[in-house]
Protein backbone atom coordinates (compact mmCIF):
# COMPACT_ATOMS: atom_id res chain seq x y z
CA MET A 1 10.71 36.11 4.63
CA THR A 2 8.00 36.80 7.13
CA GLU A 3 7.19 34.52 9.99
CA THR A 4 3.79 33.68 8.52
CA SER A 5 5.29 32.47 5.25
CA THR A 6 7.64 30.09 7.08
CA ALA A 7 5.13 28.88 9.65
CA ASN A 8 4.42 25.16 9.55
CA PRO A 9 0.84 24.33 10.60
CA ALA A 10 1.85 20.72 11.35
CA HIS A 11 4.65 21.90 13.66
CA ASP A 12 2.19 24.28 15.37
CA PHE A 13 -0.23 21.38 15.92
CA ILE A 14 2.55 19.12 17.25
CA ALA A 15 3.88 21.80 19.61
CA LYS A 16 0.37 22.54 20.93
CA THR A 17 -0.40 18.83 21.39
CA VAL A 18 2.79 18.04 23.32
CA ALA A 19 2.36 21.19 25.43
CA GLU A 20 -1.23 20.36 26.40
CA ASN A 21 -0.84 16.61 27.06
CA PRO A 22 1.63 15.06 29.53
CA VAL A 23 2.27 11.93 27.43
CA VAL A 24 1.80 11.87 23.67
CA LEU A 25 2.55 9.12 21.20
CA PHE A 26 2.63 10.13 17.55
CA MET A 27 1.96 6.79 15.90
CA LYS A 28 0.57 4.94 12.92
CA GLY A 29 -3.01 4.12 13.85
CA VAL A 30 -4.59 4.69 17.24
CA PRO A 31 -3.79 3.03 20.59
CA GLU A 32 -6.79 0.72 20.26
CA GLN A 33 -5.75 -0.26 16.72
CA PRO A 34 -2.09 0.36 15.90
CA ARG A 35 -1.28 0.09 12.20
CA CYS A 36 2.36 -0.93 12.51
CA GLY A 37 4.33 -3.22 14.78
CA PHE A 38 6.55 -0.46 16.15
CA SER A 39 3.55 1.64 17.18
CA ALA A 40 1.94 -1.46 18.72
CA LEU A 41 5.11 -2.16 20.72
CA VAL A 42 5.21 1.33 22.27
CA VAL A 43 1.46 1.16 23.05
CA GLN A 44 2.03 -2.19 24.81
CA ILE A 45 4.88 -0.73 26.87
CA LEU A 46 2.86 2.33 27.90
CA ASP A 47 -0.15 0.15 28.73
CA HIS A 48 2.07 -2.21 30.75
CA LEU A 49 3.38 0.74 32.77
CA GLY A 50 -0.17 2.02 33.27
CA ALA A 51 0.63 5.36 31.67
CA ASP A 52 -2.18 7.65 30.58
CA PHE A 53 -1.34 8.88 27.11
CA ILE A 54 -2.93 10.13 23.95
CA GLY A 55 -2.16 8.67 20.57
CA VAL A 56 -2.07 10.84 17.46
CA ASP A 57 -2.54 8.99 14.17
CA VAL A 58 -0.05 10.46 11.71
CA LEU A 59 -1.60 8.45 8.86
CA GLN A 60 -4.61 10.77 8.85
CA ASP A 61 -2.62 13.68 7.40
CA ASP A 62 0.46 13.64 5.15
CA SER A 63 1.64 17.02 6.44
CA LEU A 64 1.51 15.69 10.01
CA ARG A 65 3.28 12.47 9.00
CA ASP A 66 6.09 14.49 7.39
CA GLY A 67 5.94 17.25 10.01
CA ILE A 68 6.56 14.99 13.00
CA LYS A 69 9.81 13.82 11.38
CA THR A 70 11.08 17.36 10.84
CA PHE A 71 9.78 18.63 14.19
CA THR A 72 12.34 16.48 16.03
CA ASP A 73 14.69 15.73 13.17
CA TRP A 74 13.90 12.07 13.90
CA PRO A 75 13.17 9.95 10.80
CA THR A 76 10.87 7.29 12.22
CA ILE A 77 7.41 6.91 13.69
CA PRO A 78 6.28 6.31 16.44
CA GLN A 79 7.61 9.15 18.55
CA LEU A 80 7.01 9.44 22.30
CA TYR A 81 6.86 12.75 24.16
CA VAL A 82 6.73 13.09 27.95
CA LYS A 83 6.03 16.51 29.45
CA GLY A 84 6.83 18.21 26.14
CA GLU A 85 10.20 16.46 25.75
CA PHE A 86 10.95 14.02 22.95
CA VAL A 87 11.89 10.66 24.47
CA GLY A 88 12.48 8.64 21.30
CA GLY A 89 11.16 6.11 18.86
CA ALA A 90 10.25 2.46 19.31
CA ASP A 91 13.83 1.19 19.69
CA ILE A 92 14.75 3.77 22.32
CA VAL A 93 11.48 3.30 24.24
CA ARG A 94 11.96 -0.49 24.18
CA GLU A 95 15.58 -0.20 25.36
CA MET A 96 14.62 2.23 28.13
CA PHE A 97 11.81 -0.10 29.23
CA GLN A 98 14.03 -3.19 29.21
CA SER A 99 16.85 -1.44 31.09
CA GLY A 100 14.42 -0.09 33.69
CA GLU A 101 14.97 3.57 32.76
CA LEU A 102 11.53 4.41 31.34
CA LYS A 103 9.39 3.93 34.45
CA PRO A 104 11.60 6.10 36.72
CA LEU A 105 11.69 8.80 34.03
CA MET A 106 7.90 8.83 33.87
CA ILE A 107 7.60 8.84 37.68
CA GLU A 108 10.12 11.69 37.90
CA GLN A 109 8.10 13.67 35.32
CA GLY A 110 4.96 13.12 37.38
CA VAL A 111 3.06 11.19 34.70
CA LEU A 112 3.19 7.84 36.46
CA ALA A 113 2.53 6.98 40.10
CA ALA A 114 5.49 5.66 42.08
């Protein structure tokens, strides 16, 4: 098989988006109007921390909705990326926030002021 026949346009879009933006949340809905409770929870946490982030609505495109799950081999949405690295879904982000791990991670990555 050639590389072009195995290329996944959704994976290309995801890779480009996480490479070009320091903090990305692939979510259901948009930050101003989340369309599921888990996405709303992560938006609230990021807003509480004062993090600048972009939200990508996976409900706008089925290939993106499926692609984000295979991109990280993570079955759920939302998915948070910081500096190109997958951090986790809603449960992991919530646990990291509650334990005090998320803010230092974001400061260390230079996406949040100390």
